[in-house]
Full PDB file with SEQRES, HELIX, SHEET, SSBOND, CRYST1, ORIGX, SCALE, CONECT and MASTER records, all heavy atoms in Angstrom:
SEQRES   1 A   40  GLY PRO SER HIS TYR ALA LYS LEU MET GLN MET PRO ALA          
SEQRES   2 A   40  GLY TYR MET LYS TYR LEU GLY ARG GLU ASP PHE LEU GLU          
SEQRES   3 A   40  MET HIS HIS THR VAL GLU GLN PRO ARG LEU GLY GLY ARG          
SEQRES   4 A   40  GLY                                                          
HELIX    1 AA1 LYS A    7  GLN A   10  5                                   4    
HELIX    2 AA2 PRO A   12  TYR A   18  5                                   7    
HELIX    3 AA3 PRO A   34  LEU A   36  5                                   3    
CRYST1    1.000    1.000    1.000  90.00  90.00  90.00 P 1           1          
ORIGX1      1.000000  0.000000  0.000000        0.00000                         
ORIGX2      0.000000  1.000000  0.000000        0.00000                         
ORIGX3      0.000000  0.000000  1.000000        0.00000                         
SCALE1      1.000000  0.000000  0.000000        0.00000                         
SCALE2      0.000000  1.000000  0.000000        0.00000                         
SCALE3      0.000000  0.000000  1.000000        0.00000                         
ATOM      1  N   GLY A   1       0.549   7.660 -24.810  1.00  0.00           N  
ATOM      2  CA  GLY A   1      -0.557   7.143 -24.033  1.00  0.00           C  
ATOM      3  C   GLY A   1      -1.707   6.945 -25.040  1.00  0.00           C  
ATOM      4  O   GLY A   1      -1.558   7.144 -26.176  1.00  0.00           O  
ATOM      5  N   PRO A   2      -2.888   6.518 -24.435  1.00  0.00           N  
ATOM      6  CA  PRO A   2      -3.972   6.151 -25.241  1.00  0.00           C  
ATOM      7  C   PRO A   2      -4.651   7.528 -25.798  1.00  0.00           C  
ATOM      8  O   PRO A   2      -4.407   8.574 -25.407  1.00  0.00           O  
ATOM      9  CB  PRO A   2      -4.952   5.572 -24.245  1.00  0.00           C  
ATOM     10  CG  PRO A   2      -4.580   6.041 -22.964  1.00  0.00           C  
ATOM     11  CD  PRO A   2      -3.093   6.202 -22.932  1.00  0.00           C  
ATOM     12  N   SER A   3      -5.450   7.251 -26.795  1.00  0.00           N  
ATOM     13  CA  SER A   3      -6.185   8.394 -27.424  1.00  0.00           C  
ATOM     14  C   SER A   3      -7.334   8.880 -26.552  1.00  0.00           C  
ATOM     15  O   SER A   3      -7.772  10.175 -26.872  1.00  0.00           O  
ATOM     16  CB  SER A   3      -6.712   7.926 -28.859  1.00  0.00           C  
ATOM     17  OG  SER A   3      -7.580   6.911 -28.587  1.00  0.00           O  
ATOM     18  N   HIS A   4      -7.821   8.308 -25.582  1.00  0.00           N  
ATOM     19  CA  HIS A   4      -8.966   8.804 -24.802  1.00  0.00           C  
ATOM     20  C   HIS A   4      -8.822   8.376 -23.380  1.00  0.00           C  
ATOM     21  O   HIS A   4      -8.196   7.364 -23.101  1.00  0.00           O  
ATOM     22  CB  HIS A   4     -10.336   8.128 -25.394  1.00  0.00           C  
ATOM     23  CG  HIS A   4     -10.684   8.507 -26.776  1.00  0.00           C  
ATOM     24  ND1 HIS A   4     -10.257   7.734 -27.885  1.00  0.00           N  
ATOM     25  CD2 HIS A   4     -11.437   9.497 -27.227  1.00  0.00           C  
ATOM     26  CE1 HIS A   4     -10.744   8.398 -28.939  1.00  0.00           C  
ATOM     27  NE2 HIS A   4     -11.456   9.299 -28.567  1.00  0.00           N  
ATOM     28  N   TYR A   5      -9.252   9.254 -22.489  1.00  0.00           N  
ATOM     29  CA  TYR A   5      -9.286   8.865 -21.158  1.00  0.00           C  
ATOM     30  C   TYR A   5     -10.750   8.351 -20.733  1.00  0.00           C  
ATOM     31  O   TYR A   5     -11.733   8.361 -21.753  1.00  0.00           O  
ATOM     32  CB  TYR A   5      -9.013  10.097 -20.267  1.00  0.00           C  
ATOM     33  CG  TYR A   5      -9.744  11.421 -20.560  1.00  0.00           C  
ATOM     34  CD1 TYR A   5     -11.106  11.502 -20.270  1.00  0.00           C  
ATOM     35  CD2 TYR A   5      -9.169  12.459 -21.041  1.00  0.00           C  
ATOM     36  CE1 TYR A   5     -11.696  12.747 -20.606  1.00  0.00           C  
ATOM     37  CE2 TYR A   5      -9.751  13.712 -21.367  1.00  0.00           C  
ATOM     38  CZ  TYR A   5     -11.157  13.770 -21.123  1.00  0.00           C  
ATOM     39  OH  TYR A   5     -11.800  14.944 -21.355  1.00  0.00           O  
ATOM     40  N   ALA A   6     -10.873   7.960 -19.623  1.00  0.00           N  
ATOM     41  CA  ALA A   6     -12.363   7.435 -19.177  1.00  0.00           C  
ATOM     42  C   ALA A   6     -13.308   8.488 -19.348  1.00  0.00           C  
ATOM     43  O   ALA A   6     -13.093   9.731 -18.882  1.00  0.00           O  
ATOM     44  CB  ALA A   6     -12.225   6.893 -17.776  1.00  0.00           C  
ATOM     45  N   LYS A   7     -14.530   8.139 -19.798  1.00  0.00           N  
ATOM     46  CA  LYS A   7     -15.572   9.277 -19.890  1.00  0.00           C  
ATOM     47  C   LYS A   7     -15.851   9.967 -18.537  1.00  0.00           C  
ATOM     48  O   LYS A   7     -16.221  11.147 -18.572  1.00  0.00           O  
ATOM     49  CB  LYS A   7     -16.847   8.491 -20.339  1.00  0.00           C  
ATOM     50  CG  LYS A   7     -17.946   9.512 -20.932  1.00  0.00           C  
ATOM     51  CD  LYS A   7     -19.019   8.782 -21.524  1.00  0.00           C  
ATOM     52  CE  LYS A   7     -20.111   9.878 -22.131  1.00  0.00           C  
ATOM     53  NZ  LYS A   7     -21.147   9.245 -22.769  1.00  0.00           N  
ATOM     54  N   LEU A   8     -15.680   9.216 -17.410  1.00  0.00           N  
ATOM     55  CA  LEU A   8     -15.899   9.900 -16.170  1.00  0.00           C  
ATOM     56  C   LEU A   8     -15.032  11.046 -15.964  1.00  0.00           C  
ATOM     57  O   LEU A   8     -15.417  12.072 -15.195  1.00  0.00           O  
ATOM     58  CB  LEU A   8     -15.581   8.839 -15.081  1.00  0.00           C  
ATOM     59  CG  LEU A   8     -15.728   9.237 -13.558  1.00  0.00           C  
ATOM     60  CD1 LEU A   8     -17.239   9.556 -13.293  1.00  0.00           C  
ATOM     61  CD2 LEU A   8     -15.209   8.132 -12.702  1.00  0.00           C  
ATOM     62  N   MET A   9     -13.931  11.089 -16.654  1.00  0.00           N  
ATOM     63  CA  MET A   9     -12.948  12.174 -16.475  1.00  0.00           C  
ATOM     64  C   MET A   9     -13.478  13.510 -17.087  1.00  0.00           C  
ATOM     65  O   MET A   9     -12.946  14.531 -16.789  1.00  0.00           O  
ATOM     66  CB  MET A   9     -11.578  11.757 -17.096  1.00  0.00           C  
ATOM     67  CG  MET A   9     -10.904  10.700 -16.353  1.00  0.00           C  
ATOM     68  SD  MET A   9     -10.042  11.162 -14.868  1.00  0.00           S  
ATOM     69  CE  MET A   9      -8.653  11.958 -15.591  1.00  0.00           C  
ATOM     70  N   GLN A  10     -14.442  13.408 -17.935  1.00  0.00           N  
ATOM     71  CA  GLN A  10     -15.059  14.492 -18.591  1.00  0.00           C  
ATOM     72  C   GLN A  10     -15.781  15.388 -17.388  1.00  0.00           C  
ATOM     73  O   GLN A  10     -15.787  16.669 -17.451  1.00  0.00           O  
ATOM     74  CB  GLN A  10     -16.056  14.173 -19.594  1.00  0.00           C  
ATOM     75  CG  GLN A  10     -15.465  13.594 -20.882  1.00  0.00           C  
ATOM     76  CD  GLN A  10     -16.524  13.267 -21.904  1.00  0.00           C  
ATOM     77  OE1 GLN A  10     -17.611  13.601 -21.743  1.00  0.00           O  
ATOM     78  NE2 GLN A  10     -16.196  12.596 -23.009  1.00  0.00           N  
ATOM     79  N   MET A  11     -16.297  14.740 -16.492  1.00  0.00           N  
ATOM     80  CA  MET A  11     -17.063  15.342 -15.336  1.00  0.00           C  
ATOM     81  C   MET A  11     -15.995  15.979 -14.483  1.00  0.00           C  
ATOM     82  O   MET A  11     -15.076  15.520 -14.123  1.00  0.00           O  
ATOM     83  CB  MET A  11     -17.917  14.380 -14.648  1.00  0.00           C  
ATOM     84  CG  MET A  11     -18.817  13.640 -15.557  1.00  0.00           C  
ATOM     85  SD  MET A  11     -19.658  12.376 -14.450  1.00  0.00           S  
ATOM     86  CE  MET A  11     -20.476  11.407 -15.806  1.00  0.00           C  
ATOM     87  N   PRO A  12     -16.268  17.272 -13.968  1.00  0.00           N  
ATOM     88  CA  PRO A  12     -15.271  17.982 -13.310  1.00  0.00           C  
ATOM     89  C   PRO A  12     -14.810  17.132 -11.968  1.00  0.00           C  
ATOM     90  O   PRO A  12     -13.679  17.246 -11.619  1.00  0.00           O  
ATOM     91  CB  PRO A  12     -16.058  19.394 -12.818  1.00  0.00           C  
ATOM     92  CG  PRO A  12     -16.929  19.570 -13.963  1.00  0.00           C  
ATOM     93  CD  PRO A  12     -17.324  18.102 -14.393  1.00  0.00           C  
ATOM     94  N   ALA A  13     -15.554  16.568 -11.342  1.00  0.00           N  
ATOM     95  CA  ALA A  13     -15.319  15.631 -10.138  1.00  0.00           C  
ATOM     96  C   ALA A  13     -14.674  14.422 -10.466  1.00  0.00           C  
ATOM     97  O   ALA A  13     -14.149  13.754  -9.641  1.00  0.00           O  
ATOM     98  CB  ALA A  13     -16.464  15.635  -9.234  1.00  0.00           C  
ATOM     99  N   GLY A  14     -14.768  13.925 -11.741  1.00  0.00           N  
ATOM    100  CA  GLY A  14     -14.337  12.600 -12.065  1.00  0.00           C  
ATOM    101  C   GLY A  14     -12.845  12.297 -11.840  1.00  0.00           C  
ATOM    102  O   GLY A  14     -12.614  11.147 -11.679  1.00  0.00           O  
ATOM    103  N   TYR A  15     -12.051  13.271 -11.936  1.00  0.00           N  
ATOM    104  CA  TYR A  15     -10.681  13.110 -11.924  1.00  0.00           C  
ATOM    105  C   TYR A  15     -10.282  12.495 -10.487  1.00  0.00           C  
ATOM    106  O   TYR A  15      -9.204  11.806 -10.248  1.00  0.00           O  
ATOM    107  CB  TYR A  15      -9.680  14.428 -12.038  1.00  0.00           C  
ATOM    108  CG  TYR A  15      -9.741  15.375 -10.871  1.00  0.00           C  
ATOM    109  CD1 TYR A  15      -8.625  15.339 -10.078  1.00  0.00           C  
ATOM    110  CD2 TYR A  15     -10.949  16.071 -10.523  1.00  0.00           C  
ATOM    111  CE1 TYR A  15      -8.503  16.137  -9.026  1.00  0.00           C  
ATOM    112  CE2 TYR A  15     -10.739  16.979  -9.498  1.00  0.00           C  
ATOM    113  CZ  TYR A  15      -9.633  16.940  -8.703  1.00  0.00           C  
ATOM    114  OH  TYR A  15      -9.548  17.825  -7.481  1.00  0.00           O  
ATOM    115  N   MET A  16     -11.034  12.825  -9.525  1.00  0.00           N  
ATOM    116  CA  MET A  16     -10.745  12.248  -8.133  1.00  0.00           C  
ATOM    117  C   MET A  16     -10.739  10.800  -8.103  1.00  0.00           C  
ATOM    118  O   MET A  16      -9.897  10.240  -7.288  1.00  0.00           O  
ATOM    119  CB  MET A  16     -11.740  12.743  -7.218  1.00  0.00           C  
ATOM    120  CG  MET A  16     -11.769  14.308  -6.827  1.00  0.00           C  
ATOM    121  SD  MET A  16     -10.242  14.821  -6.082  1.00  0.00           S  
ATOM    122  CE  MET A  16     -10.428  14.413  -4.479  1.00  0.00           C  
ATOM    123  N   LYS A  17     -11.473  10.082  -8.914  1.00  0.00           N  
ATOM    124  CA  LYS A  17     -11.491   8.608  -8.954  1.00  0.00           C  
ATOM    125  C   LYS A  17     -10.142   8.077  -9.547  1.00  0.00           C  
ATOM    126  O   LYS A  17      -9.861   6.774  -9.395  1.00  0.00           O  
ATOM    127  CB  LYS A  17     -12.593   8.165  -9.784  1.00  0.00           C  
ATOM    128  CG  LYS A  17     -14.004   8.372  -9.121  1.00  0.00           C  
ATOM    129  CD  LYS A  17     -14.261   7.497  -7.823  1.00  0.00           C  
ATOM    130  CE  LYS A  17     -15.551   7.597  -7.292  1.00  0.00           C  
ATOM    131  NZ  LYS A  17     -15.722   6.692  -6.083  1.00  0.00           N  
ATOM    132  N   TYR A  18      -9.303   8.801 -10.149  1.00  0.00           N  
ATOM    133  CA  TYR A  18      -8.162   8.393 -10.723  1.00  0.00           C  
ATOM    134  C   TYR A  18      -6.869   8.890 -10.110  1.00  0.00           C  
ATOM    135  O   TYR A  18      -5.715   8.522 -10.676  1.00  0.00           O  
ATOM    136  CB  TYR A  18      -8.137   8.708 -12.348  1.00  0.00           C  
ATOM    137  CG  TYR A  18      -9.293   7.918 -13.057  1.00  0.00           C  
ATOM    138  CD1 TYR A  18     -10.500   8.405 -13.138  1.00  0.00           C  
ATOM    139  CD2 TYR A  18      -8.843   6.774 -13.714  1.00  0.00           C  
ATOM    140  CE1 TYR A  18     -11.484   7.609 -13.720  1.00  0.00           C  
ATOM    141  CE2 TYR A  18      -9.890   6.003 -14.418  1.00  0.00           C  
ATOM    142  CZ  TYR A  18     -11.080   6.375 -14.402  1.00  0.00           C  
ATOM    143  OH  TYR A  18     -12.041   5.668 -14.985  1.00  0.00           O  
ATOM    144  N   LEU A  19      -6.838   9.527  -9.076  1.00  0.00           N  
ATOM    145  CA  LEU A  19      -5.772  10.087  -8.317  1.00  0.00           C  
ATOM    146  C   LEU A  19      -4.877   8.804  -8.008  1.00  0.00           C  
ATOM    147  O   LEU A  19      -5.408   7.975  -7.306  1.00  0.00           O  
ATOM    148  CB  LEU A  19      -6.095  10.906  -7.166  1.00  0.00           C  
ATOM    149  CG  LEU A  19      -6.704  12.466  -7.431  1.00  0.00           C  
ATOM    150  CD1 LEU A  19      -7.063  12.938  -6.197  1.00  0.00           C  
ATOM    151  CD2 LEU A  19      -5.721  13.147  -8.240  1.00  0.00           C  
ATOM    152  N   GLY A  20      -3.617   8.902  -8.193  1.00  0.00           N  
ATOM    153  CA  GLY A  20      -2.696   7.928  -7.778  1.00  0.00           C  
ATOM    154  C   GLY A  20      -2.816   6.588  -8.686  1.00  0.00           C  
ATOM    155  O   GLY A  20      -2.042   5.640  -8.488  1.00  0.00           O  
ATOM    156  N   ARG A  21      -3.671   6.422  -9.628  1.00  0.00           N  
ATOM    157  CA  ARG A  21      -3.829   5.345 -10.474  1.00  0.00           C  
ATOM    158  C   ARG A  21      -2.842   5.485 -11.710  1.00  0.00           C  
ATOM    159  O   ARG A  21      -2.580   6.689 -12.036  1.00  0.00           O  
ATOM    160  CB  ARG A  21      -5.110   5.109 -10.951  1.00  0.00           C  
ATOM    161  CG  ARG A  21      -5.901   4.580  -9.795  1.00  0.00           C  
ATOM    162  CD  ARG A  21      -7.568   4.472 -10.173  1.00  0.00           C  
ATOM    163  NE  ARG A  21      -7.782   3.771 -11.371  1.00  0.00           N  
ATOM    164  CZ  ARG A  21      -9.108   3.497 -11.733  1.00  0.00           C  
ATOM    165  NH1 ARG A  21     -10.047   3.674 -11.086  1.00  0.00           N  
ATOM    166  NH2 ARG A  21      -9.225   2.804 -12.983  1.00  0.00           N  
ATOM    167  N   GLU A  22      -2.497   4.498 -12.436  1.00  0.00           N  
ATOM    168  CA  GLU A  22      -1.693   4.607 -13.565  1.00  0.00           C  
ATOM    169  C   GLU A  22      -2.430   4.349 -14.848  1.00  0.00           C  
ATOM    170  O   GLU A  22      -1.756   4.045 -15.853  1.00  0.00           O  
ATOM    171  CB  GLU A  22      -0.526   3.509 -13.244  1.00  0.00           C  
ATOM    172  CG  GLU A  22       0.391   3.861 -12.139  1.00  0.00           C  
ATOM    173  CD  GLU A  22       1.617   3.039 -11.980  1.00  0.00           C  
ATOM    174  OE1 GLU A  22       2.262   2.893 -13.043  1.00  0.00           O  
ATOM    175  OE2 GLU A  22       1.820   2.542 -10.929  1.00  0.00           O  
ATOM    176  N   ASP A  23      -3.666   4.492 -14.863  1.00  0.00           N  
ATOM    177  CA  ASP A  23      -4.419   4.404 -16.127  1.00  0.00           C  
ATOM    178  C   ASP A  23      -4.007   5.393 -17.214  1.00  0.00           C  
ATOM    179  O   ASP A  23      -3.812   5.006 -18.326  1.00  0.00           O  
ATOM    180  CB  ASP A  23      -5.957   4.713 -15.792  1.00  0.00           C  
ATOM    181  CG  ASP A  23      -6.530   3.805 -14.798  1.00  0.00           C  
ATOM    182  OD1 ASP A  23      -6.071   3.847 -13.772  1.00  0.00           O  
ATOM    183  OD2 ASP A  23      -7.455   2.984 -15.172  1.00  0.00           O  
ATOM    184  N   PHE A  24      -3.792   6.619 -16.799  1.00  0.00           N  
ATOM    185  CA  PHE A  24      -3.488   7.666 -17.688  1.00  0.00           C  
ATOM    186  C   PHE A  24      -2.274   8.480 -17.107  1.00  0.00           C  
ATOM    187  O   PHE A  24      -2.066   9.653 -17.508  1.00  0.00           O  
ATOM    188  CB  PHE A  24      -4.613   8.664 -17.984  1.00  0.00           C  
ATOM    189  CG  PHE A  24      -5.827   7.814 -18.206  1.00  0.00           C  
ATOM    190  CD1 PHE A  24      -6.881   7.777 -17.356  1.00  0.00           C  
ATOM    191  CD2 PHE A  24      -6.126   7.177 -19.311  1.00  0.00           C  
ATOM    192  CE1 PHE A  24      -8.037   7.109 -17.530  1.00  0.00           C  
ATOM    193  CE2 PHE A  24      -7.080   6.516 -19.661  1.00  0.00           C  
ATOM    194  CZ  PHE A  24      -8.261   6.375 -18.761  1.00  0.00           C  
ATOM    195  N   LEU A  25      -1.572   7.899 -16.306  1.00  0.00           N  
ATOM    196  CA  LEU A  25      -0.315   8.561 -15.667  1.00  0.00           C  
ATOM    197  C   LEU A  25       0.983   7.719 -15.577  1.00  0.00           C  
ATOM    198  O   LEU A  25       0.767   6.430 -15.606  1.00  0.00           O  
ATOM    199  CB  LEU A  25      -0.651   8.930 -14.151  1.00  0.00           C  
ATOM    200  CG  LEU A  25      -1.766   9.866 -13.898  1.00  0.00           C  
ATOM    201  CD1 LEU A  25      -2.031   9.869 -12.390  1.00  0.00           C  
ATOM    202  CD2 LEU A  25      -1.449  11.316 -14.310  1.00  0.00           C  
ATOM    203  N   GLU A  26       2.080   8.295 -15.782  1.00  0.00           N  
ATOM    204  CA  GLU A  26       3.392   7.670 -15.500  1.00  0.00           C  
ATOM    205  C   GLU A  26       4.003   8.141 -14.251  1.00  0.00           C  
ATOM    206  O   GLU A  26       4.161   9.327 -14.071  1.00  0.00           O  
ATOM    207  CB  GLU A  26       4.257   7.976 -16.725  1.00  0.00           C  
ATOM    208  CG  GLU A  26       5.580   7.264 -16.522  1.00  0.00           C  
ATOM    209  CD  GLU A  26       6.631   7.615 -17.717  1.00  0.00           C  
ATOM    210  OE1 GLU A  26       7.116   8.732 -17.680  1.00  0.00           O  
ATOM    211  OE2 GLU A  26       6.694   6.786 -18.519  1.00  0.00           O  
ATOM    212  N   MET A  27       4.077   7.199 -13.285  1.00  0.00           N  
ATOM    213  CA  MET A  27       4.603   7.539 -11.923  1.00  0.00           C  
ATOM    214  C   MET A  27       6.141   7.676 -11.881  1.00  0.00           C  
ATOM    215  O   MET A  27       6.848   6.474 -12.112  1.00  0.00           O  
ATOM    216  CB  MET A  27       4.009   6.550 -10.947  1.00  0.00           C  
ATOM    217  CG  MET A  27       2.544   6.454 -10.813  1.00  0.00           C  
ATOM    218  SD  MET A  27       1.932   8.100 -10.406  1.00  0.00           S  
ATOM    219  CE  MET A  27       0.201   7.605 -10.281  1.00  0.00           C  
ATOM    220  N   HIS A  28       6.598   8.724 -11.532  1.00  0.00           N  
ATOM    221  CA  HIS A  28       8.105   8.813 -11.369  1.00  0.00           C  
ATOM    222  C   HIS A  28       8.415   8.885  -9.938  1.00  0.00           C  
ATOM    223  O   HIS A  28       7.985   9.746  -9.149  1.00  0.00           O  
ATOM    224  CB  HIS A  28       8.552  10.135 -12.051  1.00  0.00           C  
ATOM    225  CG  HIS A  28       8.383  10.238 -13.518  1.00  0.00           C  
ATOM    226  ND1 HIS A  28       9.372   9.797 -14.419  1.00  0.00           N  
ATOM    227  CD2 HIS A  28       7.298  10.547 -14.325  1.00  0.00           C  
ATOM    228  CE1 HIS A  28       8.938   9.973 -15.562  1.00  0.00           C  
ATOM    229  NE2 HIS A  28       7.758  10.248 -15.675  1.00  0.00           N  
ATOM    230  N   HIS A  29       9.164   7.894  -9.406  1.00  0.00           N  
ATOM    231  CA  HIS A  29       9.669   7.780  -8.138  1.00  0.00           C  
ATOM    232  C   HIS A  29      10.981   8.558  -8.044  1.00  0.00           C  
ATOM    233  O   HIS A  29      11.942   8.105  -8.551  1.00  0.00           O  
ATOM    234  CB  HIS A  29       9.828   6.402  -7.654  1.00  0.00           C  
ATOM    235  CG  HIS A  29       8.556   5.606  -7.568  1.00  0.00           C  
ATOM    236  ND1 HIS A  29       8.023   5.236  -6.446  1.00  0.00           N  
ATOM    237  CD2 HIS A  29       7.722   5.034  -8.605  1.00  0.00           C  
ATOM    238  CE1 HIS A  29       6.783   4.608  -6.618  1.00  0.00           C  
ATOM    239  NE2 HIS A  29       6.721   4.525  -7.931  1.00  0.00           N  
ATOM    240  N   THR A  30      10.924   9.658  -7.454  1.00  0.00           N  
ATOM    241  CA  THR A  30      12.173  10.586  -7.449  1.00  0.00           C  
ATOM    242  C   THR A  30      13.130   9.849  -6.561  1.00  0.00           C  
ATOM    243  O   THR A  30      12.882   9.044  -5.620  1.00  0.00           O  
ATOM    244  CB  THR A  30      11.878  11.932  -6.840  1.00  0.00           C  
ATOM    245  OG1 THR A  30      11.201  11.802  -5.582  1.00  0.00           O  
ATOM    246  CG2 THR A  30      10.818  12.662  -7.824  1.00  0.00           C  
ATOM    247  N   VAL A  31      14.396  10.386  -6.727  1.00  0.00           N  
ATOM    248  CA  VAL A  31      15.486   9.715  -5.871  1.00  0.00           C  
ATOM    249  C   VAL A  31      15.306  10.069  -4.468  1.00  0.00           C  
ATOM    250  O   VAL A  31      14.665  11.019  -4.002  1.00  0.00           O  
ATOM    251  CB  VAL A  31      16.863  10.315  -6.294  1.00  0.00           C  
ATOM    252  CG1 VAL A  31      17.139   9.857  -7.843  1.00  0.00           C  
ATOM    253  CG2 VAL A  31      16.985  11.752  -6.148  1.00  0.00           C  
ATOM    254  N   GLU A  32      15.839   9.165  -3.617  1.00  0.00           N  
ATOM    255  CA  GLU A  32      15.690   9.357  -2.119  1.00  0.00           C  
ATOM    256  C   GLU A  32      16.301  10.643  -1.687  1.00  0.00           C  
ATOM    257  O   GLU A  32      17.300  10.954  -2.119  1.00  0.00           O  
ATOM    258  CB  GLU A  32      16.276   8.157  -1.424  1.00  0.00           C  
ATOM    259  CG  GLU A  32      15.496   6.887  -1.632  1.00  0.00           C  
ATOM    260  CD  GLU A  32      16.187   5.701  -0.905  1.00  0.00           C  
ATOM    261  OE1 GLU A  32      17.210   5.971  -0.222  1.00  0.00           O  
ATOM    262  OE2 GLU A  32      15.618   4.671  -0.812  1.00  0.00           O  
ATOM    263  N   GLN A  33      15.618  11.447  -0.871  1.00  0.00           N  
ATOM    264  CA  GLN A  33      16.080  12.675  -0.535  1.00  0.00           C  
ATOM    265  C   GLN A  33      16.539  12.786   0.942  1.00  0.00           C  
ATOM    266  O   GLN A  33      15.748  12.475   1.911  1.00  0.00           O  
ATOM    267  CB  GLN A  33      14.933  13.754  -0.560  1.00  0.00           C  
ATOM    268  CG  GLN A  33      14.235  13.838  -1.954  1.00  0.00           C  
ATOM    269  CD  GLN A  33      15.034  14.573  -2.909  1.00  0.00           C  
ATOM    270  OE1 GLN A  33      15.448  15.782  -2.693  1.00  0.00           O  
ATOM    271  NE2 GLN A  33      15.321  13.826  -4.110  1.00  0.00           N  
ATOM    272  N   PRO A  34      17.765  12.803   1.207  1.00  0.00           N  
ATOM    273  CA  PRO A  34      18.233  12.766   2.743  1.00  0.00           C  
ATOM    274  C   PRO A  34      17.567  13.727   3.594  1.00  0.00           C  
ATOM    275  O   PRO A  34      17.186  13.447   4.694  1.00  0.00           O  
ATOM    276  CB  PRO A  34      19.808  13.183   2.433  1.00  0.00           C  
ATOM    277  CG  PRO A  34      20.258  12.724   1.193  1.00  0.00           C  
ATOM    278  CD  PRO A  34      18.876  12.958   0.296  1.00  0.00           C  
ATOM    279  N   ARG A  35      17.383  14.968   2.990  1.00  0.00           N  
ATOM    280  CA  ARG A  35      16.609  15.931   3.968  1.00  0.00           C  
ATOM    281  C   ARG A  35      15.225  15.637   4.228  1.00  0.00           C  
ATOM    282  O   ARG A  35      14.532  16.305   4.936  1.00  0.00           O  
ATOM    283  CB  ARG A  35      16.786  17.308   3.306  1.00  0.00           C  
ATOM    284  CG  ARG A  35      16.052  17.591   2.038  1.00  0.00           C  
ATOM    285  CD  ARG A  35      16.239  18.968   1.532  1.00  0.00           C  
ATOM    286  NE  ARG A  35      17.598  19.307   1.192  1.00  0.00           N  
ATOM    287  CZ  ARG A  35      18.233  18.914   0.105  1.00  0.00           C  
ATOM    288  NH1 ARG A  35      17.483  18.218  -0.894  1.00  0.00           N  
ATOM    289  NH2 ARG A  35      19.510  19.056  -0.255  1.00  0.00           N  
ATOM    290  N   LEU A  36      14.689  14.776   3.448  1.00  0.00           N  
ATOM    291  CA  LEU A  36      13.277  14.245   3.722  1.00  0.00           C  
ATOM    292  C   LEU A  36      13.291  12.976   4.392  1.00  0.00           C  
ATOM    293  O   LEU A  36      12.271  12.153   4.259  1.00  0.00           O  
ATOM    294  CB  LEU A  36      12.532  14.175   2.353  1.00  0.00           C  
ATOM    295  CG  LEU A  36      12.525  15.305   1.387  1.00  0.00           C  
ATOM    296  CD1 LEU A  36      11.566  15.131   0.162  1.00  0.00           C  
ATOM    297  CD2 LEU A  36      12.062  16.549   2.136  1.00  0.00           C  
ATOM    298  N   GLY A  37      14.219  12.654   4.974  1.00  0.00           N  
ATOM    299  CA  GLY A  37      14.349  11.310   5.804  1.00  0.00           C  
ATOM    300  C   GLY A  37      14.425  10.151   4.876  1.00  0.00           C  
ATOM    301  O   GLY A  37      14.106   9.107   5.312  1.00  0.00           O  
ATOM    302  N   GLY A  38      15.017  10.308   3.709  1.00  0.00           N  
ATOM    303  CA  GLY A  38      15.144   9.231   2.774  1.00  0.00           C  
ATOM    304  C   GLY A  38      13.851   8.852   1.851  1.00  0.00           C  
ATOM    305  O   GLY A  38      13.885   8.069   0.985  1.00  0.00           O  
ATOM    306  N   ARG A  39      12.874   9.868   1.966  1.00  0.00           N  
ATOM    307  CA  ARG A  39      11.657   9.721   1.071  1.00  0.00           C  
ATOM    308  C   ARG A  39      12.071  10.089  -0.192  1.00  0.00           C  
ATOM    309  O   ARG A  39      12.953  10.960  -0.510  1.00  0.00           O  
ATOM    310  CB  ARG A  39      10.557  10.573   1.574  1.00  0.00           C  
ATOM    311  CG  ARG A  39       9.856  10.239   2.748  1.00  0.00           C  
ATOM    312  CD  ARG A  39       8.792  11.308   3.115  1.00  0.00           C  
ATOM    313  NE  ARG A  39       7.819  11.499   2.064  1.00  0.00           N  
ATOM    314  CZ  ARG A  39       7.416  12.601   1.593  1.00  0.00           C  
ATOM    315  NH1 ARG A  39       7.774  13.633   2.076  1.00  0.00           N  
ATOM    316  NH2 ARG A  39       6.472  12.528   0.535  1.00  0.00           N  
ATOM    317  N   GLY A  40      11.482   9.477  -1.258  1.00  0.00           N  
ATOM    318  CA  GLY A  40      11.496   9.857  -2.727  1.00  0.00           C  
ATOM    319  C   GLY A  40      10.151  10.008  -3.112  1.00  0.00           C  
ATOM    320  O   GLY A  40       9.383   9.054  -3.664  1.00  0.00           O  
TER     321      GLY A  40                                                      
MASTER        0    0    0    3    0    0    0    6  320    1    0    4          
END                                                                             
């Protein structure tokens, strides 16, 4: 990944603005789970 995250992330509450985004995350879609109704 990059060498720096957004400056906002230094602030304790700042991470909430990046939840679910792929700026600094790699999203792994797990395999479909039969016991979860096919959710992955």
